[in-house]
Amino acid sequence: MCGGATKQENPGAPSMWLTWVSVA
């Protein structure tokens, strides 16, 4: 697994790559 892809659910937002940071 290298990453994911999904539909942009935020109306009016552009296509983008979202980075997730691990937190406690």
PDBML (XML) file of the C-alpha atoms, coordinates in Angstrom:
<?xml version="1.0" encoding="UTF-8" ?>
<PDBx:datablock datablockName="MODEL"
   xmlns:PDBx="http://pdbml.pdb.org/schema/pdbx-v50.xsd"
   xmlns:xsi="http://www.w3.org/2001/XMLSchema-instance"
   xsi:schemaLocation="http://pdbml.pdb.org/schema/pdbx-v50.xsd pdbx-v50.xsd">
   <PDBx:atom_siteCategory>
      <PDBx:atom_site id="1">
         <PDBx:B_iso_or_equiv>0.00</PDBx:B_iso_or_equiv>
         <PDBx:Cartn_x>0.000</PDBx:Cartn_x>
         <PDBx:Cartn_y>0.000</PDBx:Cartn_y>
         <PDBx:Cartn_z>0.000</PDBx:Cartn_z>
         <PDBx:auth_asym_id>A</PDBx:auth_asym_id>
         <PDBx:auth_atom_id>CA</PDBx:auth_atom_id>
         <PDBx:auth_comp_id>MET</PDBx:auth_comp_id>
         <PDBx:auth_seq_id>1</PDBx:auth_seq_id>
         <PDBx:group_PDB>ATOM</PDBx:group_PDB>
         <PDBx:label_alt_id xsi:nil="true" />
         <PDBx:label_asym_id>A</PDBx:label_asym_id>
         <PDBx:label_atom_id>CA</PDBx:label_atom_id>
         <PDBx:label_comp_id>MET</PDBx:label_comp_id>
         <PDBx:label_entity_id>1</PDBx:label_entity_id>
         <PDBx:label_seq_id>1</PDBx:label_seq_id>
         <PDBx:occupancy>1.00</PDBx:occupancy>
         <PDBx:pdbx_PDB_model_num>1</PDBx:pdbx_PDB_model_num>
         <PDBx:type_symbol>C</PDBx:type_symbol>
      </PDBx:atom_site>
      <PDBx:atom_site id="2">
         <PDBx:B_iso_or_equiv>0.00</PDBx:B_iso_or_equiv>
         <PDBx:Cartn_x>1.381</PDBx:Cartn_x>
         <PDBx:Cartn_y>3.389</PDBx:Cartn_y>
         <PDBx:Cartn_z>-1.078</PDBx:Cartn_z>
         <PDBx:auth_asym_id>A</PDBx:auth_asym_id>
         <PDBx:auth_atom_id>CA</PDBx:auth_atom_id>
         <PDBx:auth_comp_id>CYS</PDBx:auth_comp_id>
         <PDBx:auth_seq_id>2</PDBx:auth_seq_id>
         <PDBx:group_PDB>ATOM</PDBx:group_PDB>
         <PDBx:label_alt_id xsi:nil="true" />
         <PDBx:label_asym_id>A</PDBx:label_asym_id>
         <PDBx:label_atom_id>CA</PDBx:label_atom_id>
         <PDBx:label_comp_id>CYS</PDBx:label_comp_id>
         <PDBx:label_entity_id>1</PDBx:label_entity_id>
         <PDBx:label_seq_id>2</PDBx:label_seq_id>
         <PDBx:occupancy>1.00</PDBx:occupancy>
         <PDBx:pdbx_PDB_model_num>1</PDBx:pdbx_PDB_model_num>
         <PDBx:type_symbol>C</PDBx:type_symbol>
      </PDBx:atom_site>
      <PDBx:atom_site id="3">
         <PDBx:B_iso_or_equiv>0.00</PDBx:B_iso_or_equiv>
         <PDBx:Cartn_x>-1.514</PDBx:Cartn_x>
         <PDBx:Cartn_y>5.813</PDBx:Cartn_y>
         <PDBx:Cartn_z>-0.677</PDBx:Cartn_z>
         <PDBx:auth_asym_id>A</PDBx:auth_asym_id>
         <PDBx:auth_atom_id>CA</PDBx:auth_atom_id>
         <PDBx:auth_comp_id>GLY</PDBx:auth_comp_id>
         <PDBx:auth_seq_id>3</PDBx:auth_seq_id>
         <PDBx:group_PDB>ATOM</PDBx:group_PDB>
         <PDBx:label_alt_id xsi:nil="true" />
         <PDBx:label_asym_id>A</PDBx:label_asym_id>
         <PDBx:label_atom_id>CA</PDBx:label_atom_id>
         <PDBx:label_comp_id>GLY</PDBx:label_comp_id>
         <PDBx:label_entity_id>1</PDBx:label_entity_id>
         <PDBx:label_seq_id>3</PDBx:label_seq_id>
         <PDBx:occupancy>1.00</PDBx:occupancy>
         <PDBx:pdbx_PDB_model_num>1</PDBx:pdbx_PDB_model_num>
         <PDBx:type_symbol>C</PDBx:type_symbol>
      </PDBx:atom_site>
      <PDBx:atom_site id="4">
         <PDBx:B_iso_or_equiv>0.00</PDBx:B_iso_or_equiv>
         <PDBx:Cartn_x>-5.196</PDBx:Cartn_x>
         <PDBx:Cartn_y>6.326</PDBx:Cartn_y>
         <PDBx:Cartn_z>-1.289</PDBx:Cartn_z>
         <PDBx:auth_asym_id>A</PDBx:auth_asym_id>
         <PDBx:auth_atom_id>CA</PDBx:auth_atom_id>
         <PDBx:auth_comp_id>GLY</PDBx:auth_comp_id>
         <PDBx:auth_seq_id>4</PDBx:auth_seq_id>
         <PDBx:group_PDB>ATOM</PDBx:group_PDB>
         <PDBx:label_alt_id xsi:nil="true" />
         <PDBx:label_asym_id>A</PDBx:label_asym_id>
         <PDBx:label_atom_id>CA</PDBx:label_atom_id>
         <PDBx:label_comp_id>GLY</PDBx:label_comp_id>
         <PDBx:label_entity_id>1</PDBx:label_entity_id>
         <PDBx:label_seq_id>4</PDBx:label_seq_id>
         <PDBx:occupancy>1.00</PDBx:occupancy>
         <PDBx:pdbx_PDB_model_num>1</PDBx:pdbx_PDB_model_num>
         <PDBx:type_symbol>C</PDBx:type_symbol>
      </PDBx:atom_site>
      <PDBx:atom_site id="5">
         <PDBx:B_iso_or_equiv>0.00</PDBx:B_iso_or_equiv>
         <PDBx:Cartn_x>-7.717</PDBx:Cartn_x>
         <PDBx:Cartn_y>8.146</PDBx:Cartn_y>
         <PDBx:Cartn_z>-3.452</PDBx:Cartn_z>
         <PDBx:auth_asym_id>A</PDBx:auth_asym_id>
         <PDBx:auth_atom_id>CA</PDBx:auth_atom_id>
         <PDBx:auth_comp_id>ALA</PDBx:auth_comp_id>
         <PDBx:auth_seq_id>5</PDBx:auth_seq_id>
         <PDBx:group_PDB>ATOM</PDBx:group_PDB>
         <PDBx:label_alt_id xsi:nil="true" />
         <PDBx:label_asym_id>A</PDBx:label_asym_id>
         <PDBx:label_atom_id>CA</PDBx:label_atom_id>
         <PDBx:label_comp_id>ALA</PDBx:label_comp_id>
         <PDBx:label_entity_id>1</PDBx:label_entity_id>
         <PDBx:label_seq_id>5</PDBx:label_seq_id>
         <PDBx:occupancy>1.00</PDBx:occupancy>
         <PDBx:pdbx_PDB_model_num>1</PDBx:pdbx_PDB_model_num>
         <PDBx:type_symbol>C</PDBx:type_symbol>
      </PDBx:atom_site>
      <PDBx:atom_site id="6">
         <PDBx:B_iso_or_equiv>0.00</PDBx:B_iso_or_equiv>
         <PDBx:Cartn_x>-11.255</PDBx:Cartn_x>
         <PDBx:Cartn_y>9.283</PDBx:Cartn_y>
         <PDBx:Cartn_z>-2.792</PDBx:Cartn_z>
         <PDBx:auth_asym_id>A</PDBx:auth_asym_id>
         <PDBx:auth_atom_id>CA</PDBx:auth_atom_id>
         <PDBx:auth_comp_id>THR</PDBx:auth_comp_id>
         <PDBx:auth_seq_id>6</PDBx:auth_seq_id>
         <PDBx:group_PDB>ATOM</PDBx:group_PDB>
         <PDBx:label_alt_id xsi:nil="true" />
         <PDBx:label_asym_id>A</PDBx:label_asym_id>
         <PDBx:label_atom_id>CA</PDBx:label_atom_id>
         <PDBx:label_comp_id>THR</PDBx:label_comp_id>
         <PDBx:label_entity_id>1</PDBx:label_entity_id>
         <PDBx:label_seq_id>6</PDBx:label_seq_id>
         <PDBx:occupancy>1.00</PDBx:occupancy>
         <PDBx:pdbx_PDB_model_num>1</PDBx:pdbx_PDB_model_num>
         <PDBx:type_symbol>C</PDBx:type_symbol>
      </PDBx:atom_site>
      <PDBx:atom_site id="7">
         <PDBx:B_iso_or_equiv>0.00</PDBx:B_iso_or_equiv>
         <PDBx:Cartn_x>-13.848</PDBx:Cartn_x>
         <PDBx:Cartn_y>11.765</PDBx:Cartn_y>
         <PDBx:Cartn_z>-4.016</PDBx:Cartn_z>
         <PDBx:auth_asym_id>A</PDBx:auth_asym_id>
         <PDBx:auth_atom_id>CA</PDBx:auth_atom_id>
         <PDBx:auth_comp_id>LYS</PDBx:auth_comp_id>
         <PDBx:auth_seq_id>7</PDBx:auth_seq_id>
         <PDBx:group_PDB>ATOM</PDBx:group_PDB>
         <PDBx:label_alt_id xsi:nil="true" />
         <PDBx:label_asym_id>A</PDBx:label_asym_id>
         <PDBx:label_atom_id>CA</PDBx:label_atom_id>
         <PDBx:label_comp_id>LYS</PDBx:label_comp_id>
         <PDBx:label_entity_id>1</PDBx:label_entity_id>
         <PDBx:label_seq_id>7</PDBx:label_seq_id>
         <PDBx:occupancy>1.00</PDBx:occupancy>
         <PDBx:pdbx_PDB_model_num>1</PDBx:pdbx_PDB_model_num>
         <PDBx:type_symbol>C</PDBx:type_symbol>
      </PDBx:atom_site>
      <PDBx:atom_site id="8">
         <PDBx:B_iso_or_equiv>0.00</PDBx:B_iso_or_equiv>
         <PDBx:Cartn_x>-13.454</PDBx:Cartn_x>
         <PDBx:Cartn_y>15.380</PDBx:Cartn_y>
         <PDBx:Cartn_z>-2.902</PDBx:Cartn_z>
         <PDBx:auth_asym_id>A</PDBx:auth_asym_id>
         <PDBx:auth_atom_id>CA</PDBx:auth_atom_id>
         <PDBx:auth_comp_id>GLN</PDBx:auth_comp_id>
         <PDBx:auth_seq_id>8</PDBx:auth_seq_id>
         <PDBx:group_PDB>ATOM</PDBx:group_PDB>
         <PDBx:label_alt_id xsi:nil="true" />
         <PDBx:label_asym_id>A</PDBx:label_asym_id>
         <PDBx:label_atom_id>CA</PDBx:label_atom_id>
         <PDBx:label_comp_id>GLN</PDBx:label_comp_id>
         <PDBx:label_entity_id>1</PDBx:label_entity_id>
         <PDBx:label_seq_id>8</PDBx:label_seq_id>
         <PDBx:occupancy>1.00</PDBx:occupancy>
         <PDBx:pdbx_PDB_model_num>1</PDBx:pdbx_PDB_model_num>
         <PDBx:type_symbol>C</PDBx:type_symbol>
      </PDBx:atom_site>
      <PDBx:atom_site id="9">
         <PDBx:B_iso_or_equiv>0.00</PDBx:B_iso_or_equiv>
         <PDBx:Cartn_x>-16.359</PDBx:Cartn_x>
         <PDBx:Cartn_y>15.820</PDBx:Cartn_y>
         <PDBx:Cartn_z>-0.483</PDBx:Cartn_z>
         <PDBx:auth_asym_id>A</PDBx:auth_asym_id>
         <PDBx:auth_atom_id>CA</PDBx:auth_atom_id>
         <PDBx:auth_comp_id>GLU</PDBx:auth_comp_id>
         <PDBx:auth_seq_id>9</PDBx:auth_seq_id>
         <PDBx:group_PDB>ATOM</PDBx:group_PDB>
         <PDBx:label_alt_id xsi:nil="true" />
         <PDBx:label_asym_id>A</PDBx:label_asym_id>
         <PDBx:label_atom_id>CA</PDBx:label_atom_id>
         <PDBx:label_comp_id>GLU</PDBx:label_comp_id>
         <PDBx:label_entity_id>1</PDBx:label_entity_id>
         <PDBx:label_seq_id>9</PDBx:label_seq_id>
         <PDBx:occupancy>1.00</PDBx:occupancy>
         <PDBx:pdbx_PDB_model_num>1</PDBx:pdbx_PDB_model_num>
         <PDBx:type_symbol>C</PDBx:type_symbol>
      </PDBx:atom_site>
      <PDBx:atom_site id="10">
         <PDBx:B_iso_or_equiv>0.00</PDBx:B_iso_or_equiv>
         <PDBx:Cartn_x>-15.790</PDBx:Cartn_x>
         <PDBx:Cartn_y>19.483</PDBx:Cartn_y>
         <PDBx:Cartn_z>0.398</PDBx:Cartn_z>
         <PDBx:auth_asym_id>A</PDBx:auth_asym_id>
         <PDBx:auth_atom_id>CA</PDBx:auth_atom_id>
         <PDBx:auth_comp_id>ASN</PDBx:auth_comp_id>
         <PDBx:auth_seq_id>10</PDBx:auth_seq_id>
         <PDBx:group_PDB>ATOM</PDBx:group_PDB>
         <PDBx:label_alt_id xsi:nil="true" />
         <PDBx:label_asym_id>A</PDBx:label_asym_id>
         <PDBx:label_atom_id>CA</PDBx:label_atom_id>
         <PDBx:label_comp_id>ASN</PDBx:label_comp_id>
         <PDBx:label_entity_id>1</PDBx:label_entity_id>
         <PDBx:label_seq_id>10</PDBx:label_seq_id>
         <PDBx:occupancy>1.00</PDBx:occupancy>
         <PDBx:pdbx_PDB_model_num>1</PDBx:pdbx_PDB_model_num>
         <PDBx:type_symbol>C</PDBx:type_symbol>
      </PDBx:atom_site>
      <PDBx:atom_site id="11">
         <PDBx:B_iso_or_equiv>0.00</PDBx:B_iso_or_equiv>
         <PDBx:Cartn_x>-17.974</PDBx:Cartn_x>
         <PDBx:Cartn_y>21.590</PDBx:Cartn_y>
         <PDBx:Cartn_z>-1.957</PDBx:Cartn_z>
         <PDBx:auth_asym_id>A</PDBx:auth_asym_id>
         <PDBx:auth_atom_id>CA</PDBx:auth_atom_id>
         <PDBx:auth_comp_id>PRO</PDBx:auth_comp_id>
         <PDBx:auth_seq_id>11</PDBx:auth_seq_id>
         <PDBx:group_PDB>ATOM</PDBx:group_PDB>
         <PDBx:label_alt_id xsi:nil="true" />
         <PDBx:label_asym_id>A</PDBx:label_asym_id>
         <PDBx:label_atom_id>CA</PDBx:label_atom_id>
         <PDBx:label_comp_id>PRO</PDBx:label_comp_id>
         <PDBx:label_entity_id>1</PDBx:label_entity_id>
         <PDBx:label_seq_id>11</PDBx:label_seq_id>
         <PDBx:occupancy>1.00</PDBx:occupancy>
         <PDBx:pdbx_PDB_model_num>1</PDBx:pdbx_PDB_model_num>
         <PDBx:type_symbol>C</PDBx:type_symbol>
      </PDBx:atom_site>
      <PDBx:atom_site id="12">
         <PDBx:B_iso_or_equiv>0.00</PDBx:B_iso_or_equiv>
         <PDBx:Cartn_x>-15.940</PDBx:Cartn_x>
         <PDBx:Cartn_y>24.131</PDBx:Cartn_y>
         <PDBx:Cartn_z>-3.843</PDBx:Cartn_z>
         <PDBx:auth_asym_id>A</PDBx:auth_asym_id>
         <PDBx:auth_atom_id>CA</PDBx:auth_atom_id>
         <PDBx:auth_comp_id>GLY</PDBx:auth_comp_id>
         <PDBx:auth_seq_id>12</PDBx:auth_seq_id>
         <PDBx:group_PDB>ATOM</PDBx:group_PDB>
         <PDBx:label_alt_id xsi:nil="true" />
         <PDBx:label_asym_id>A</PDBx:label_asym_id>
         <PDBx:label_atom_id>CA</PDBx:label_atom_id>
         <PDBx:label_comp_id>GLY</PDBx:label_comp_id>
         <PDBx:label_entity_id>1</PDBx:label_entity_id>
         <PDBx:label_seq_id>12</PDBx:label_seq_id>
         <PDBx:occupancy>1.00</PDBx:occupancy>
         <PDBx:pdbx_PDB_model_num>1</PDBx:pdbx_PDB_model_num>
         <PDBx:type_symbol>C</PDBx:type_symbol>
      </PDBx:atom_site>
      <PDBx:atom_site id="13">
         <PDBx:B_iso_or_equiv>0.00</PDBx:B_iso_or_equiv>
         <PDBx:Cartn_x>-12.596</PDBx:Cartn_x>
         <PDBx:Cartn_y>22.674</PDBx:Cartn_y>
         <PDBx:Cartn_z>-2.782</PDBx:Cartn_z>
         <PDBx:auth_asym_id>A</PDBx:auth_asym_id>
         <PDBx:auth_atom_id>CA</PDBx:auth_atom_id>
         <PDBx:auth_comp_id>ALA</PDBx:auth_comp_id>
         <PDBx:auth_seq_id>13</PDBx:auth_seq_id>
         <PDBx:group_PDB>ATOM</PDBx:group_PDB>
         <PDBx:label_alt_id xsi:nil="true" />
         <PDBx:label_asym_id>A</PDBx:label_asym_id>
         <PDBx:label_atom_id>CA</PDBx:label_atom_id>
         <PDBx:label_comp_id>ALA</PDBx:label_comp_id>
         <PDBx:label_entity_id>1</PDBx:label_entity_id>
         <PDBx:label_seq_id>13</PDBx:label_seq_id>
         <PDBx:occupancy>1.00</PDBx:occupancy>
         <PDBx:pdbx_PDB_model_num>1</PDBx:pdbx_PDB_model_num>
         <PDBx:type_symbol>C</PDBx:type_symbol>
      </PDBx:atom_site>
      <PDBx:atom_site id="14">
         <PDBx:B_iso_or_equiv>0.00</PDBx:B_iso_or_equiv>
         <PDBx:Cartn_x>-10.073</PDBx:Cartn_x>
         <PDBx:Cartn_y>21.785</PDBx:Cartn_y>
         <PDBx:Cartn_z>-5.503</PDBx:Cartn_z>
         <PDBx:auth_asym_id>A</PDBx:auth_asym_id>
         <PDBx:auth_atom_id>CA</PDBx:auth_atom_id>
         <PDBx:auth_comp_id>PRO</PDBx:auth_comp_id>
         <PDBx:auth_seq_id>14</PDBx:auth_seq_id>
         <PDBx:group_PDB>ATOM</PDBx:group_PDB>
         <PDBx:label_alt_id xsi:nil="true" />
         <PDBx:label_asym_id>A</PDBx:label_asym_id>
         <PDBx:label_atom_id>CA</PDBx:label_atom_id>
         <PDBx:label_comp_id>PRO</PDBx:label_comp_id>
         <PDBx:label_entity_id>1</PDBx:label_entity_id>
         <PDBx:label_seq_id>14</PDBx:label_seq_id>
         <PDBx:occupancy>1.00</PDBx:occupancy>
         <PDBx:pdbx_PDB_model_num>1</PDBx:pdbx_PDB_model_num>
         <PDBx:type_symbol>C</PDBx:type_symbol>
      </PDBx:atom_site>
      <PDBx:atom_site id="15">
         <PDBx:B_iso_or_equiv>0.00</PDBx:B_iso_or_equiv>
         <PDBx:Cartn_x>-8.455</PDBx:Cartn_x>
         <PDBx:Cartn_y>18.428</PDBx:Cartn_y>
         <PDBx:Cartn_z>-6.061</PDBx:Cartn_z>
         <PDBx:auth_asym_id>A</PDBx:auth_asym_id>
         <PDBx:auth_atom_id>CA</PDBx:auth_atom_id>
         <PDBx:auth_comp_id>SER</PDBx:auth_comp_id>
         <PDBx:auth_seq_id>15</PDBx:auth_seq_id>
         <PDBx:group_PDB>ATOM</PDBx:group_PDB>
         <PDBx:label_alt_id xsi:nil="true" />
         <PDBx:label_asym_id>A</PDBx:label_asym_id>
         <PDBx:label_atom_id>CA</PDBx:label_atom_id>
         <PDBx:label_comp_id>SER</PDBx:label_comp_id>
         <PDBx:label_entity_id>1</PDBx:label_entity_id>
         <PDBx:label_seq_id>15</PDBx:label_seq_id>
         <PDBx:occupancy>1.00</PDBx:occupancy>
         <PDBx:pdbx_PDB_model_num>1</PDBx:pdbx_PDB_model_num>
         <PDBx:type_symbol>C</PDBx:type_symbol>
      </PDBx:atom_site>
      <PDBx:atom_site id="16">
         <PDBx:B_iso_or_equiv>0.00</PDBx:B_iso_or_equiv>
         <PDBx:Cartn_x>-5.599</PDBx:Cartn_x>
         <PDBx:Cartn_y>17.966</PDBx:Cartn_y>
         <PDBx:Cartn_z>-3.613</PDBx:Cartn_z>
         <PDBx:auth_asym_id>A</PDBx:auth_asym_id>
         <PDBx:auth_atom_id>CA</PDBx:auth_atom_id>
         <PDBx:auth_comp_id>MET</PDBx:auth_comp_id>
         <PDBx:auth_seq_id>16</PDBx:auth_seq_id>
         <PDBx:group_PDB>ATOM</PDBx:group_PDB>
         <PDBx:label_alt_id xsi:nil="true" />
         <PDBx:label_asym_id>A</PDBx:label_asym_id>
         <PDBx:label_atom_id>CA</PDBx:label_atom_id>
         <PDBx:label_comp_id>MET</PDBx:label_comp_id>
         <PDBx:label_entity_id>1</PDBx:label_entity_id>
         <PDBx:label_seq_id>16</PDBx:label_seq_id>
         <PDBx:occupancy>1.00</PDBx:occupancy>
         <PDBx:pdbx_PDB_model_num>1</PDBx:pdbx_PDB_model_num>
         <PDBx:type_symbol>C</PDBx:type_symbol>
      </PDBx:atom_site>
      <PDBx:atom_site id="17">
         <PDBx:B_iso_or_equiv>0.00</PDBx:B_iso_or_equiv>
         <PDBx:Cartn_x>-3.360</PDBx:Cartn_x>
         <PDBx:Cartn_y>15.448</PDBx:Cartn_y>
         <PDBx:Cartn_z>-1.891</PDBx:Cartn_z>
         <PDBx:auth_asym_id>A</PDBx:auth_asym_id>
         <PDBx:auth_atom_id>CA</PDBx:auth_atom_id>
         <PDBx:auth_comp_id>TRP</PDBx:auth_comp_id>
         <PDBx:auth_seq_id>17</PDBx:auth_seq_id>
         <PDBx:group_PDB>ATOM</PDBx:group_PDB>
         <PDBx:label_alt_id xsi:nil="true" />
         <PDBx:label_asym_id>A</PDBx:label_asym_id>
         <PDBx:label_atom_id>CA</PDBx:label_atom_id>
         <PDBx:label_comp_id>TRP</PDBx:label_comp_id>
         <PDBx:label_entity_id>1</PDBx:label_entity_id>
         <PDBx:label_seq_id>17</PDBx:label_seq_id>
         <PDBx:occupancy>1.00</PDBx:occupancy>
         <PDBx:pdbx_PDB_model_num>1</PDBx:pdbx_PDB_model_num>
         <PDBx:type_symbol>C</PDBx:type_symbol>
      </PDBx:atom_site>
      <PDBx:atom_site id="18">
         <PDBx:B_iso_or_equiv>0.00</PDBx:B_iso_or_equiv>
         <PDBx:Cartn_x>-4.035</PDBx:Cartn_x>
         <PDBx:Cartn_y>15.273</PDBx:Cartn_y>
         <PDBx:Cartn_z>1.842</PDBx:Cartn_z>
         <PDBx:auth_asym_id>A</PDBx:auth_asym_id>
         <PDBx:auth_atom_id>CA</PDBx:auth_atom_id>
         <PDBx:auth_comp_id>LEU</PDBx:auth_comp_id>
         <PDBx:auth_seq_id>18</PDBx:auth_seq_id>
         <PDBx:group_PDB>ATOM</PDBx:group_PDB>
         <PDBx:label_alt_id xsi:nil="true" />
         <PDBx:label_asym_id>A</PDBx:label_asym_id>
         <PDBx:label_atom_id>CA</PDBx:label_atom_id>
         <PDBx:label_comp_id>LEU</PDBx:label_comp_id>
         <PDBx:label_entity_id>1</PDBx:label_entity_id>
         <PDBx:label_seq_id>18</PDBx:label_seq_id>
         <PDBx:occupancy>1.00</PDBx:occupancy>
         <PDBx:pdbx_PDB_model_num>1</PDBx:pdbx_PDB_model_num>
         <PDBx:type_symbol>C</PDBx:type_symbol>
      </PDBx:atom_site>
      <PDBx:atom_site id="19">
         <PDBx:B_iso_or_equiv>0.00</PDBx:B_iso_or_equiv>
         <PDBx:Cartn_x>-1.161</PDBx:Cartn_x>
         <PDBx:Cartn_y>14.461</PDBx:Cartn_y>
         <PDBx:Cartn_z>4.205</PDBx:Cartn_z>
         <PDBx:auth_asym_id>A</PDBx:auth_asym_id>
         <PDBx:auth_atom_id>CA</PDBx:auth_atom_id>
         <PDBx:auth_comp_id>THR</PDBx:auth_comp_id>
         <PDBx:auth_seq_id>19</PDBx:auth_seq_id>
         <PDBx:group_PDB>ATOM</PDBx:group_PDB>
         <PDBx:label_alt_id xsi:nil="true" />
         <PDBx:label_asym_id>A</PDBx:label_asym_id>
         <PDBx:label_atom_id>CA</PDBx:label_atom_id>
         <PDBx:label_comp_id>THR</PDBx:label_comp_id>
         <PDBx:label_entity_id>1</PDBx:label_entity_id>
         <PDBx:label_seq_id>19</PDBx:label_seq_id>
         <PDBx:occupancy>1.00</PDBx:occupancy>
         <PDBx:pdbx_PDB_model_num>1</PDBx:pdbx_PDB_model_num>
         <PDBx:type_symbol>C</PDBx:type_symbol>
      </PDBx:atom_site>
      <PDBx:atom_site id="20">
         <PDBx:B_iso_or_equiv>0.00</PDBx:B_iso_or_equiv>
         <PDBx:Cartn_x>-2.000</PDBx:Cartn_x>
         <PDBx:Cartn_y>12.652</PDBx:Cartn_y>
         <PDBx:Cartn_z>7.455</PDBx:Cartn_z>
         <PDBx:auth_asym_id>A</PDBx:auth_asym_id>
         <PDBx:auth_atom_id>CA</PDBx:auth_atom_id>
         <PDBx:auth_comp_id>TRP</PDBx:auth_comp_id>
         <PDBx:auth_seq_id>20</PDBx:auth_seq_id>
         <PDBx:group_PDB>ATOM</PDBx:group_PDB>
         <PDBx:label_alt_id xsi:nil="true" />
         <PDBx:label_asym_id>A</PDBx:label_asym_id>
         <PDBx:label_atom_id>CA</PDBx:label_atom_id>
         <PDBx:label_comp_id>TRP</PDBx:label_comp_id>
         <PDBx:label_entity_id>1</PDBx:label_entity_id>
         <PDBx:label_seq_id>20</PDBx:label_seq_id>
         <PDBx:occupancy>1.00</PDBx:occupancy>
         <PDBx:pdbx_PDB_model_num>1</PDBx:pdbx_PDB_model_num>
         <PDBx:type_symbol>C</PDBx:type_symbol>
      </PDBx:atom_site>
      <PDBx:atom_site id="21">
         <PDBx:B_iso_or_equiv>0.00</PDBx:B_iso_or_equiv>
         <PDBx:Cartn_x>0.263</PDBx:Cartn_x>
         <PDBx:Cartn_y>13.053</PDBx:Cartn_y>
         <PDBx:Cartn_z>10.501</PDBx:Cartn_z>
         <PDBx:auth_asym_id>A</PDBx:auth_asym_id>
         <PDBx:auth_atom_id>CA</PDBx:auth_atom_id>
         <PDBx:auth_comp_id>VAL</PDBx:auth_comp_id>
         <PDBx:auth_seq_id>21</PDBx:auth_seq_id>
         <PDBx:group_PDB>ATOM</PDBx:group_PDB>
         <PDBx:label_alt_id xsi:nil="true" />
         <PDBx:label_asym_id>A</PDBx:label_asym_id>
         <PDBx:label_atom_id>CA</PDBx:label_atom_id>
         <PDBx:label_comp_id>VAL</PDBx:label_comp_id>
         <PDBx:label_entity_id>1</PDBx:label_entity_id>
         <PDBx:label_seq_id>21</PDBx:label_seq_id>
         <PDBx:occupancy>1.00</PDBx:occupancy>
         <PDBx:pdbx_PDB_model_num>1</PDBx:pdbx_PDB_model_num>
         <PDBx:type_symbol>C</PDBx:type_symbol>
      </PDBx:atom_site>
      <PDBx:atom_site id="22">
         <PDBx:B_iso_or_equiv>0.00</PDBx:B_iso_or_equiv>
         <PDBx:Cartn_x>0.215</PDBx:Cartn_x>
         <PDBx:Cartn_y>10.513</PDBx:Cartn_y>
         <PDBx:Cartn_z>13.332</PDBx:Cartn_z>
         <PDBx:auth_asym_id>A</PDBx:auth_asym_id>
         <PDBx:auth_atom_id>CA</PDBx:auth_atom_id>
         <PDBx:auth_comp_id>SER</PDBx:auth_comp_id>
         <PDBx:auth_seq_id>22</PDBx:auth_seq_id>
         <PDBx:group_PDB>ATOM</PDBx:group_PDB>
         <PDBx:label_alt_id xsi:nil="true" />
         <PDBx:label_asym_id>A</PDBx:label_asym_id>
         <PDBx:label_atom_id>CA</PDBx:label_atom_id>
         <PDBx:label_comp_id>SER</PDBx:label_comp_id>
         <PDBx:label_entity_id>1</PDBx:label_entity_id>
         <PDBx:label_seq_id>22</PDBx:label_seq_id>
         <PDBx:occupancy>1.00</PDBx:occupancy>
         <PDBx:pdbx_PDB_model_num>1</PDBx:pdbx_PDB_model_num>
         <PDBx:type_symbol>C</PDBx:type_symbol>
      </PDBx:atom_site>
      <PDBx:atom_site id="23">
         <PDBx:B_iso_or_equiv>0.00</PDBx:B_iso_or_equiv>
         <PDBx:Cartn_x>-0.551</PDBx:Cartn_x>
         <PDBx:Cartn_y>12.022</PDBx:Cartn_y>
         <PDBx:Cartn_z>16.749</PDBx:Cartn_z>
         <PDBx:auth_asym_id>A</PDBx:auth_asym_id>
         <PDBx:auth_atom_id>CA</PDBx:auth_atom_id>
         <PDBx:auth_comp_id>VAL</PDBx:auth_comp_id>
         <PDBx:auth_seq_id>23</PDBx:auth_seq_id>
         <PDBx:group_PDB>ATOM</PDBx:group_PDB>
         <PDBx:label_alt_id xsi:nil="true" />
         <PDBx:label_asym_id>A</PDBx:label_asym_id>
         <PDBx:label_atom_id>CA</PDBx:label_atom_id>
         <PDBx:label_comp_id>VAL</PDBx:label_comp_id>
         <PDBx:label_entity_id>1</PDBx:label_entity_id>
         <PDBx:label_seq_id>23</PDBx:label_seq_id>
         <PDBx:occupancy>1.00</PDBx:occupancy>
         <PDBx:pdbx_PDB_model_num>1</PDBx:pdbx_PDB_model_num>
         <PDBx:type_symbol>C</PDBx:type_symbol>
      </PDBx:atom_site>
      <PDBx:atom_site id="24">
         <PDBx:B_iso_or_equiv>0.00</PDBx:B_iso_or_equiv>
         <PDBx:Cartn_x>-1.059</PDBx:Cartn_x>
         <PDBx:Cartn_y>10.554</PDBx:Cartn_y>
         <PDBx:Cartn_z>20.208</PDBx:Cartn_z>
         <PDBx:auth_asym_id>A</PDBx:auth_asym_id>
         <PDBx:auth_atom_id>CA</PDBx:auth_atom_id>
         <PDBx:auth_comp_id>ALA</PDBx:auth_comp_id>
         <PDBx:auth_seq_id>24</PDBx:auth_seq_id>
         <PDBx:group_PDB>ATOM</PDBx:group_PDB>
         <PDBx:label_alt_id xsi:nil="true" />
         <PDBx:label_asym_id>A</PDBx:label_asym_id>
         <PDBx:label_atom_id>CA</PDBx:label_atom_id>
         <PDBx:label_comp_id>ALA</PDBx:label_comp_id>
         <PDBx:label_entity_id>1</PDBx:label_entity_id>
         <PDBx:label_seq_id>24</PDBx:label_seq_id>
         <PDBx:occupancy>1.00</PDBx:occupancy>
         <PDBx:pdbx_PDB_model_num>1</PDBx:pdbx_PDB_model_num>
         <PDBx:type_symbol>C</PDBx:type_symbol>
      </PDBx:atom_site>
   </PDBx:atom_siteCategory>
</PDBx:datablock>
